[in-house]
């Protein structure tokens, strides 16, 4: 089950749309729900975005786009990258922004939203590097810190 953190108790719908969109996006990030944007539409397979863990992929149903790759990855257990939640003391990066370990590419940003302390983000990271010191390519020096997801990986 996915636990979604509650939005503020009283939402003033007279606030500008951008405020509501930011809160909605942040709630989705905190729930560990991925979004696919034009910048990332061919970057990830379903398992990288944890869609198999969220019940978003059925391995029993008929044909669908990408079925062969998704099923092969599932049945061989070859998942090498997964989506994790992070925070960073920097402005929200754009989807597709590279995550680095030193100079090495470790993953890519799925989605990000502003917070009072900077931003929270979802990023697909290589499992072997998820506990390394990660930073965003355009914000070198600003480390990202892993946060829990509301579901088990």
N, C-alpha and C. Protein backbone atom coordinates (compact mmCIF):
# COMPACT_ATOMS: atom_id res chain seq x y z
N UNK A 1 0.83 -1.18 0.00
CA UNK A 1 0.00 0.00 0.00
C UNK A 1 0.88 1.24 0.00
N UNK A 2 0.42 2.25 -0.69
CA UNK A 2 1.15 3.51 -0.77
C UNK A 2 0.53 4.48 0.22
N UNK A 3 1.35 5.04 1.08
CA UNK A 3 0.87 6.03 2.05
C UNK A 3 1.12 7.41 1.47
N UNK A 4 0.08 8.16 1.27
CA UNK A 4 0.21 9.51 0.73
C UNK A 4 0.08 10.51 1.87
N UNK A 5 1.12 11.32 2.02
CA UNK A 5 1.08 12.34 3.08
C UNK A 5 -0.01 13.35 2.75
N UNK A 6 -0.70 13.77 3.77
CA UNK A 6 -1.81 14.70 3.59
C UNK A 6 -1.32 16.08 3.17
N UNK A 7 -2.12 16.74 2.36
CA UNK A 7 -1.85 18.13 2.02
C UNK A 7 -2.22 18.99 3.22
N UNK A 8 -1.83 20.24 3.23
CA UNK A 8 -2.21 21.11 4.34
C UNK A 8 -3.71 21.04 4.60
N UNK A 9 -4.10 21.13 5.87
CA UNK A 9 -5.50 20.97 6.29
C UNK A 9 -6.44 21.90 5.54
N UNK A 10 -6.06 23.13 5.38
CA UNK A 10 -6.95 24.08 4.70
C UNK A 10 -6.24 24.60 3.46
N UNK A 11 -6.73 24.21 2.32
CA UNK A 11 -6.16 24.71 1.07
C UNK A 11 -7.03 25.86 0.59
N UNK A 12 -6.40 26.99 0.38
CA UNK A 12 -7.12 28.16 -0.10
C UNK A 12 -7.13 28.10 -1.62
N UNK A 13 -8.27 27.76 -2.19
CA UNK A 13 -8.36 27.61 -3.63
C UNK A 13 -8.34 28.95 -4.36
N UNK A 14 -8.25 30.04 -3.62
CA UNK A 14 -8.08 31.35 -4.24
C UNK A 14 -6.61 31.60 -4.57
N UNK A 15 -5.70 30.74 -4.04
CA UNK A 15 -4.27 30.88 -4.32
C UNK A 15 -4.02 30.67 -5.81
N UNK A 16 -2.95 31.23 -6.32
CA UNK A 16 -2.63 31.04 -7.74
C UNK A 16 -2.46 29.55 -8.07
N UNK A 17 -2.74 29.20 -9.31
CA UNK A 17 -2.64 27.82 -9.78
C UNK A 17 -1.25 27.25 -9.55
N UNK A 18 -0.20 28.06 -9.73
CA UNK A 18 1.17 27.56 -9.57
C UNK A 18 1.40 27.01 -8.17
N UNK A 19 0.81 27.64 -7.16
CA UNK A 19 0.96 27.15 -5.78
C UNK A 19 0.34 25.77 -5.65
N UNK A 20 -0.87 25.62 -6.15
CA UNK A 20 -1.55 24.32 -6.04
C UNK A 20 -0.82 23.26 -6.83
N UNK A 21 -0.30 23.61 -7.99
CA UNK A 21 0.44 22.65 -8.80
C UNK A 21 1.69 22.19 -8.06
N UNK A 22 2.41 23.12 -7.42
CA UNK A 22 3.62 22.76 -6.67
C UNK A 22 3.28 21.80 -5.53
N UNK A 23 2.21 22.08 -4.79
CA UNK A 23 1.81 21.21 -3.68
C UNK A 23 1.39 19.83 -4.19
N UNK A 24 0.67 19.80 -5.30
CA UNK A 24 0.24 18.54 -5.89
C UNK A 24 1.45 17.73 -6.33
N UNK A 25 2.40 18.38 -6.97
CA UNK A 25 3.62 17.72 -7.44
C UNK A 25 4.43 17.19 -6.26
N UNK A 26 4.56 17.98 -5.21
CA UNK A 26 5.29 17.56 -4.02
C UNK A 26 4.61 16.36 -3.36
N UNK A 27 3.29 16.36 -3.31
CA UNK A 27 2.57 15.22 -2.73
C UNK A 27 2.83 13.95 -3.54
N UNK A 28 2.87 14.06 -4.85
CA UNK A 28 3.18 12.91 -5.70
C UNK A 28 4.59 12.40 -5.48
N UNK A 29 5.54 13.31 -5.32
CA UNK A 29 6.93 12.92 -5.05
C UNK A 29 7.02 12.20 -3.71
N UNK A 30 6.38 12.74 -2.70
CA UNK A 30 6.41 12.12 -1.38
C UNK A 30 5.72 10.76 -1.37
N UNK A 31 4.78 10.55 -2.27
CA UNK A 31 4.11 9.26 -2.39
C UNK A 31 4.92 8.29 -3.26
N UNK A 32 5.99 8.78 -3.87
CA UNK A 32 6.82 7.93 -4.72
C UNK A 32 6.16 7.58 -6.04
N UNK A 33 5.33 8.48 -6.55
CA UNK A 33 4.61 8.25 -7.80
C UNK A 33 5.34 8.96 -8.95
N UNK A 34 5.84 8.20 -9.91
CA UNK A 34 6.61 8.82 -10.99
C UNK A 34 5.74 9.52 -12.02
N UNK A 35 6.31 10.49 -12.67
CA UNK A 35 5.71 11.17 -13.81
C UNK A 35 6.69 11.05 -14.97
N UNK A 36 6.18 10.96 -16.17
CA UNK A 36 7.03 10.94 -17.35
C UNK A 36 6.79 12.24 -18.10
N UNK A 37 7.87 12.92 -18.42
CA UNK A 37 7.82 14.21 -19.09
C UNK A 37 8.47 14.08 -20.47
N UNK A 38 8.28 15.05 -21.36
CA UNK A 38 8.92 14.97 -22.68
C UNK A 38 10.43 14.75 -22.59
N UNK A 39 11.07 15.31 -21.57
CA UNK A 39 12.53 15.17 -21.42
C UNK A 39 12.95 13.74 -21.04
N UNK A 40 12.01 12.94 -20.55
CA UNK A 40 12.37 11.61 -20.04
C UNK A 40 11.56 10.48 -20.67
N UNK A 41 10.79 10.73 -21.72
CA UNK A 41 9.84 9.73 -22.19
C UNK A 41 10.48 8.45 -22.73
N UNK A 42 11.74 8.43 -23.10
CA UNK A 42 12.40 7.20 -23.54
C UNK A 42 13.57 6.83 -22.63
N UNK A 43 13.60 7.35 -21.44
CA UNK A 43 14.74 7.16 -20.54
C UNK A 43 14.59 5.95 -19.63
N UNK A 44 13.38 5.65 -19.19
CA UNK A 44 13.17 4.63 -18.16
C UNK A 44 12.25 3.52 -18.65
N UNK A 45 12.44 2.31 -18.08
CA UNK A 45 11.45 1.24 -18.24
C UNK A 45 10.61 1.21 -16.96
N UNK A 46 9.50 0.53 -17.01
CA UNK A 46 8.53 0.55 -15.91
C UNK A 46 9.15 0.19 -14.56
N UNK A 47 10.00 -0.83 -14.51
CA UNK A 47 10.58 -1.25 -13.23
C UNK A 47 11.51 -0.20 -12.65
N UNK A 48 12.19 0.56 -13.48
CA UNK A 48 13.06 1.63 -12.98
C UNK A 48 12.24 2.66 -12.21
N UNK A 49 10.99 2.88 -12.64
CA UNK A 49 10.11 3.85 -12.00
C UNK A 49 9.28 3.22 -10.89
N UNK A 50 9.59 1.99 -10.51
CA UNK A 50 8.92 1.25 -9.44
C UNK A 50 7.45 0.95 -9.76
N UNK A 51 7.07 1.02 -11.03
CA UNK A 51 5.68 0.76 -11.39
C UNK A 51 5.27 -0.68 -11.10
N UNK A 52 6.23 -1.60 -11.13
CA UNK A 52 5.92 -2.99 -10.77
C UNK A 52 5.58 -3.10 -9.29
N UNK A 53 6.20 -2.29 -8.45
CA UNK A 53 5.94 -2.31 -7.01
C UNK A 53 4.63 -1.60 -6.67
N UNK A 54 4.20 -0.68 -7.53
CA UNK A 54 2.98 0.09 -7.31
C UNK A 54 1.75 -0.56 -7.94
N UNK A 55 1.93 -1.73 -8.55
CA UNK A 55 0.81 -2.41 -9.20
C UNK A 55 0.47 -1.81 -10.55
N UNK A 56 1.39 -1.07 -11.14
CA UNK A 56 1.15 -0.43 -12.42
C UNK A 56 1.50 -1.27 -13.62
N UNK A 57 2.00 -2.50 -13.39
CA UNK A 57 2.35 -3.40 -14.47
C UNK A 57 1.79 -4.77 -14.13
N UNK A 58 1.13 -5.39 -15.09
CA UNK A 58 0.62 -6.75 -14.90
C UNK A 58 1.42 -7.68 -15.79
N UNK A 59 1.94 -8.76 -15.21
CA UNK A 59 2.70 -9.73 -15.99
C UNK A 59 1.80 -10.87 -16.47
N UNK A 60 0.50 -10.79 -16.20
CA UNK A 60 -0.44 -11.81 -16.61
C UNK A 60 -1.33 -11.37 -17.78
N UNK A 61 -1.40 -10.09 -18.07
CA UNK A 61 -2.32 -9.62 -19.11
C UNK A 61 -1.72 -9.73 -20.49
N UNK A 62 -2.48 -9.37 -21.49
CA UNK A 62 -2.06 -9.49 -22.88
C UNK A 62 -0.97 -8.53 -23.29
N UNK A 63 -0.84 -8.33 -24.57
CA UNK A 63 0.24 -7.53 -25.14
C UNK A 63 0.07 -6.04 -24.86
N UNK A 64 1.20 -5.36 -24.71
CA UNK A 64 1.23 -3.91 -24.55
C UNK A 64 2.59 -3.42 -24.99
N UNK A 65 2.70 -2.16 -25.26
CA UNK A 65 3.95 -1.57 -25.72
C UNK A 65 5.06 -1.82 -24.71
N UNK A 66 6.17 -2.33 -25.18
CA UNK A 66 7.32 -2.58 -24.31
C UNK A 66 7.23 -3.86 -23.49
N UNK A 67 6.23 -4.69 -23.76
CA UNK A 67 6.01 -5.90 -22.95
C UNK A 67 7.24 -6.80 -22.91
N UNK A 68 7.89 -7.01 -24.04
CA UNK A 68 9.01 -7.94 -24.09
C UNK A 68 10.14 -7.50 -23.15
N UNK A 69 10.50 -6.25 -23.20
CA UNK A 69 11.59 -5.75 -22.35
C UNK A 69 11.19 -5.79 -20.88
N UNK A 70 9.98 -5.35 -20.58
CA UNK A 70 9.50 -5.32 -19.20
C UNK A 70 9.41 -6.73 -18.63
N UNK A 71 8.85 -7.66 -19.38
CA UNK A 71 8.72 -9.04 -18.90
C UNK A 71 10.09 -9.70 -18.75
N UNK A 72 10.98 -9.50 -19.72
CA UNK A 72 12.31 -10.10 -19.63
C UNK A 72 13.04 -9.59 -18.39
N UNK A 73 12.95 -8.30 -18.15
CA UNK A 73 13.60 -7.72 -16.96
C UNK A 73 13.00 -8.31 -15.69
N UNK A 74 11.68 -8.44 -15.66
CA UNK A 74 11.00 -9.00 -14.47
C UNK A 74 11.41 -10.44 -14.20
N UNK A 75 11.35 -11.28 -15.23
CA UNK A 75 11.57 -12.70 -15.01
C UNK A 75 13.05 -13.06 -14.86
N UNK A 76 13.94 -12.25 -15.35
CA UNK A 76 15.38 -12.49 -15.17
C UNK A 76 15.91 -11.81 -13.91
N UNK A 77 15.13 -10.93 -13.32
CA UNK A 77 15.56 -10.24 -12.11
C UNK A 77 16.75 -9.34 -12.34
N UNK A 78 16.79 -8.69 -13.50
CA UNK A 78 17.96 -7.89 -13.88
C UNK A 78 17.75 -6.40 -13.66
N UNK A 79 17.04 -6.02 -12.60
CA UNK A 79 16.84 -4.60 -12.32
C UNK A 79 18.13 -4.05 -11.73
N UNK A 80 18.76 -3.12 -12.42
CA UNK A 80 20.01 -2.52 -11.93
C UNK A 80 19.83 -1.08 -11.50
N UNK A 81 18.65 -0.52 -11.81
CA UNK A 81 18.37 0.87 -11.44
C UNK A 81 16.95 0.94 -10.91
N UNK A 82 16.75 1.75 -9.87
CA UNK A 82 15.43 1.94 -9.27
C UNK A 82 15.25 3.41 -8.95
N UNK A 83 13.99 3.79 -8.73
CA UNK A 83 13.68 5.17 -8.37
C UNK A 83 13.70 5.32 -6.85
N UNK A 84 14.34 6.37 -6.39
CA UNK A 84 14.44 6.70 -4.97
C UNK A 84 14.02 8.15 -4.78
N UNK A 85 13.73 8.48 -3.54
CA UNK A 85 13.34 9.86 -3.18
C UNK A 85 14.51 10.53 -2.49
N UNK A 86 14.73 11.80 -2.80
CA UNK A 86 15.85 12.56 -2.25
C UNK A 86 15.41 13.98 -1.89
N UNK A 87 16.28 14.67 -1.15
CA UNK A 87 16.13 16.10 -0.92
C UNK A 87 17.46 16.76 -1.19
N UNK A 88 17.41 18.05 -1.54
CA UNK A 88 18.63 18.80 -1.83
C UNK A 88 18.38 20.26 -1.50
N UNK A 89 19.40 20.94 -1.03
CA UNK A 89 19.31 22.37 -0.71
C UNK A 89 19.63 23.18 -1.95
N UNK A 90 18.83 22.98 -2.99
CA UNK A 90 19.01 23.70 -4.25
C UNK A 90 17.64 23.85 -4.92
N UNK A 91 17.54 24.68 -5.94
CA UNK A 91 16.27 24.77 -6.67
C UNK A 91 15.94 23.43 -7.33
N UNK A 92 14.67 23.17 -7.60
CA UNK A 92 14.31 21.90 -8.22
C UNK A 92 14.94 21.75 -9.61
N UNK A 93 15.61 20.62 -9.84
CA UNK A 93 16.18 20.39 -11.17
C UNK A 93 15.10 19.95 -12.15
N UNK A 94 15.37 20.13 -13.42
CA UNK A 94 14.44 19.71 -14.47
C UNK A 94 14.45 18.19 -14.61
N UNK A 95 13.33 17.60 -15.03
CA UNK A 95 13.34 16.16 -15.33
C UNK A 95 14.44 15.84 -16.34
N UNK A 96 15.12 14.73 -16.10
CA UNK A 96 16.21 14.33 -16.98
C UNK A 96 17.58 14.83 -16.55
N UNK A 97 17.63 15.71 -15.54
CA UNK A 97 18.92 16.19 -15.03
C UNK A 97 19.75 15.01 -14.54
N UNK A 98 21.01 15.01 -14.86
CA UNK A 98 21.89 13.91 -14.47
C UNK A 98 22.27 14.00 -12.99
N UNK A 99 22.31 12.82 -12.35
CA UNK A 99 22.80 12.67 -10.98
C UNK A 99 24.17 12.03 -11.09
N UNK A 100 25.13 12.58 -10.35
CA UNK A 100 26.52 12.14 -10.46
C UNK A 100 27.08 11.62 -9.15
N UNK A 101 28.05 10.72 -9.27
CA UNK A 101 28.93 10.33 -8.18
C UNK A 101 30.31 10.73 -8.69
N UNK A 102 30.84 11.82 -8.13
CA UNK A 102 32.07 12.38 -8.68
C UNK A 102 31.79 12.85 -10.10
N UNK A 103 32.50 12.29 -11.07
CA UNK A 103 32.27 12.63 -12.48
C UNK A 103 31.46 11.55 -13.19
N UNK A 104 31.08 10.50 -12.46
CA UNK A 104 30.39 9.36 -13.06
C UNK A 104 28.87 9.53 -13.01
N UNK A 105 28.22 9.22 -14.12
CA UNK A 105 26.76 9.28 -14.22
C UNK A 105 26.15 8.15 -13.38
N UNK A 106 25.33 8.51 -12.39
CA UNK A 106 24.72 7.52 -11.50
C UNK A 106 23.22 7.39 -11.74
N UNK A 107 22.60 8.37 -12.39
CA UNK A 107 21.17 8.30 -12.60
C UNK A 107 20.61 9.58 -13.18
N UNK A 108 19.26 9.65 -13.16
CA UNK A 108 18.57 10.79 -13.76
C UNK A 108 17.36 11.19 -12.93
N UNK A 109 17.09 12.49 -12.89
CA UNK A 109 15.93 13.01 -12.16
C UNK A 109 14.66 12.65 -12.92
N UNK A 110 13.68 12.16 -12.16
CA UNK A 110 12.36 11.85 -12.70
C UNK A 110 11.46 13.07 -12.55
N UNK A 111 11.42 13.65 -11.35
CA UNK A 111 10.56 14.79 -11.05
C UNK A 111 11.13 15.50 -9.82
N UNK A 112 10.82 16.78 -9.66
CA UNK A 112 11.28 17.54 -8.51
C UNK A 112 10.29 18.66 -8.21
N UNK A 113 10.24 19.05 -6.94
CA UNK A 113 9.37 20.15 -6.52
C UNK A 113 10.06 20.94 -5.43
N UNK A 114 9.77 22.23 -5.39
CA UNK A 114 10.37 23.13 -4.40
C UNK A 114 9.80 22.86 -3.01
N UNK A 115 10.67 23.04 -2.02
CA UNK A 115 10.29 23.00 -0.60
C UNK A 115 10.90 24.23 0.05
N UNK A 116 10.59 24.45 1.32
CA UNK A 116 11.15 25.60 2.03
C UNK A 116 12.67 25.49 2.15
N UNK A 117 13.21 24.26 2.19
CA UNK A 117 14.66 24.05 2.35
C UNK A 117 15.38 23.82 1.04
N UNK A 118 14.69 23.85 -0.08
CA UNK A 118 15.31 23.59 -1.38
C UNK A 118 14.36 22.83 -2.28
N UNK A 119 14.54 21.50 -2.33
CA UNK A 119 13.64 20.69 -3.15
C UNK A 119 13.63 19.25 -2.69
N UNK A 120 12.60 18.53 -3.09
CA UNK A 120 12.53 17.07 -2.98
C UNK A 120 12.42 16.56 -4.40
N UNK A 121 12.98 15.38 -4.63
CA UNK A 121 12.97 14.85 -5.98
C UNK A 121 12.93 13.34 -5.99
N UNK A 122 12.49 12.81 -7.10
CA UNK A 122 12.57 11.39 -7.39
C UNK A 122 13.62 11.24 -8.47
N UNK A 123 14.50 10.26 -8.33
CA UNK A 123 15.52 10.01 -9.33
C UNK A 123 15.76 8.52 -9.45
N UNK A 124 15.98 8.07 -10.67
CA UNK A 124 16.36 6.68 -10.92
C UNK A 124 17.86 6.62 -10.80
N UNK A 125 18.32 5.76 -9.88
CA UNK A 125 19.75 5.66 -9.56
C UNK A 125 20.21 4.21 -9.72
N UNK A 126 21.42 4.02 -10.20
CA UNK A 126 22.02 2.70 -10.26
C UNK A 126 22.13 2.16 -8.85
N UNK A 127 21.64 0.94 -8.63
CA UNK A 127 21.61 0.37 -7.28
C UNK A 127 22.98 0.32 -6.61
N UNK A 128 24.02 0.10 -7.38
CA UNK A 128 25.37 0.03 -6.82
C UNK A 128 25.85 1.38 -6.31
N UNK A 129 25.18 2.47 -6.72
CA UNK A 129 25.64 3.81 -6.34
C UNK A 129 24.66 4.57 -5.46
N UNK A 130 23.56 3.96 -5.08
CA UNK A 130 22.51 4.69 -4.36
C UNK A 130 22.96 5.21 -3.00
N UNK A 131 23.93 4.57 -2.37
CA UNK A 131 24.40 5.03 -1.06
C UNK A 131 25.68 5.84 -1.15
N UNK A 132 26.12 6.15 -2.35
CA UNK A 132 27.32 6.98 -2.54
C UNK A 132 26.95 8.45 -2.34
N UNK A 133 27.95 9.33 -2.37
CA UNK A 133 27.71 10.77 -2.27
C UNK A 133 27.24 11.27 -3.63
N UNK A 134 25.96 11.53 -3.73
CA UNK A 134 25.34 11.93 -4.99
C UNK A 134 25.17 13.43 -5.05
N UNK A 135 25.27 13.99 -6.26
CA UNK A 135 25.01 15.40 -6.47
C UNK A 135 24.40 15.60 -7.85
N UNK A 136 23.70 16.70 -8.01
CA UNK A 136 23.07 17.01 -9.28
C UNK A 136 24.07 17.72 -10.18
N UNK A 137 24.07 17.39 -11.44
CA UNK A 137 25.07 17.95 -12.37
C UNK A 137 25.10 19.48 -12.38
N UNK A 138 23.96 20.18 -12.47
CA UNK A 138 24.08 21.64 -12.51
C UNK A 138 24.32 22.28 -11.15
N UNK A 139 24.17 21.54 -10.07
CA UNK A 139 24.33 22.09 -8.72
C UNK A 139 25.49 21.39 -8.02
N UNK A 140 26.63 21.35 -8.65
CA UNK A 140 27.79 20.63 -8.10
C UNK A 140 28.10 21.18 -6.72
N UNK A 141 28.37 20.28 -5.79
CA UNK A 141 28.66 20.66 -4.41
C UNK A 141 27.45 20.55 -3.51
N UNK A 142 26.25 20.59 -4.06
CA UNK A 142 25.03 20.43 -3.27
C UNK A 142 24.66 18.95 -3.27
N UNK A 143 24.96 18.28 -2.20
CA UNK A 143 24.69 16.84 -2.09
C UNK A 143 23.20 16.57 -1.99
N UNK A 144 22.79 15.44 -2.53
CA UNK A 144 21.41 15.02 -2.35
C UNK A 144 21.38 13.92 -1.30
N UNK A 145 20.36 13.96 -0.46
CA UNK A 145 20.24 13.01 0.65
C UNK A 145 19.01 12.14 0.42
N UNK A 146 19.21 10.84 0.57
CA UNK A 146 18.11 9.89 0.35
C UNK A 146 17.07 10.00 1.45
N UNK A 147 15.80 9.98 1.04
CA UNK A 147 14.66 9.99 1.95
C UNK A 147 13.89 8.70 1.77
N UNK A 148 13.09 8.30 2.74
CA UNK A 148 12.32 7.06 2.58
C UNK A 148 11.17 7.22 1.59
N UNK A 149 10.83 6.12 0.96
CA UNK A 149 9.62 6.04 0.15
C UNK A 149 8.53 5.40 0.98
N UNK A 150 7.27 5.62 0.68
CA UNK A 150 6.20 5.03 1.49
C UNK A 150 5.90 3.57 1.13
N UNK A 151 6.77 2.94 0.38
CA UNK A 151 6.64 1.53 0.03
C UNK A 151 8.02 0.89 0.01
N UNK A 152 8.06 -0.43 0.10
CA UNK A 152 9.34 -1.16 0.13
C UNK A 152 9.87 -1.42 -1.26
N UNK A 153 11.19 -1.35 -1.39
CA UNK A 153 11.83 -1.67 -2.66
C UNK A 153 12.24 -3.13 -2.68
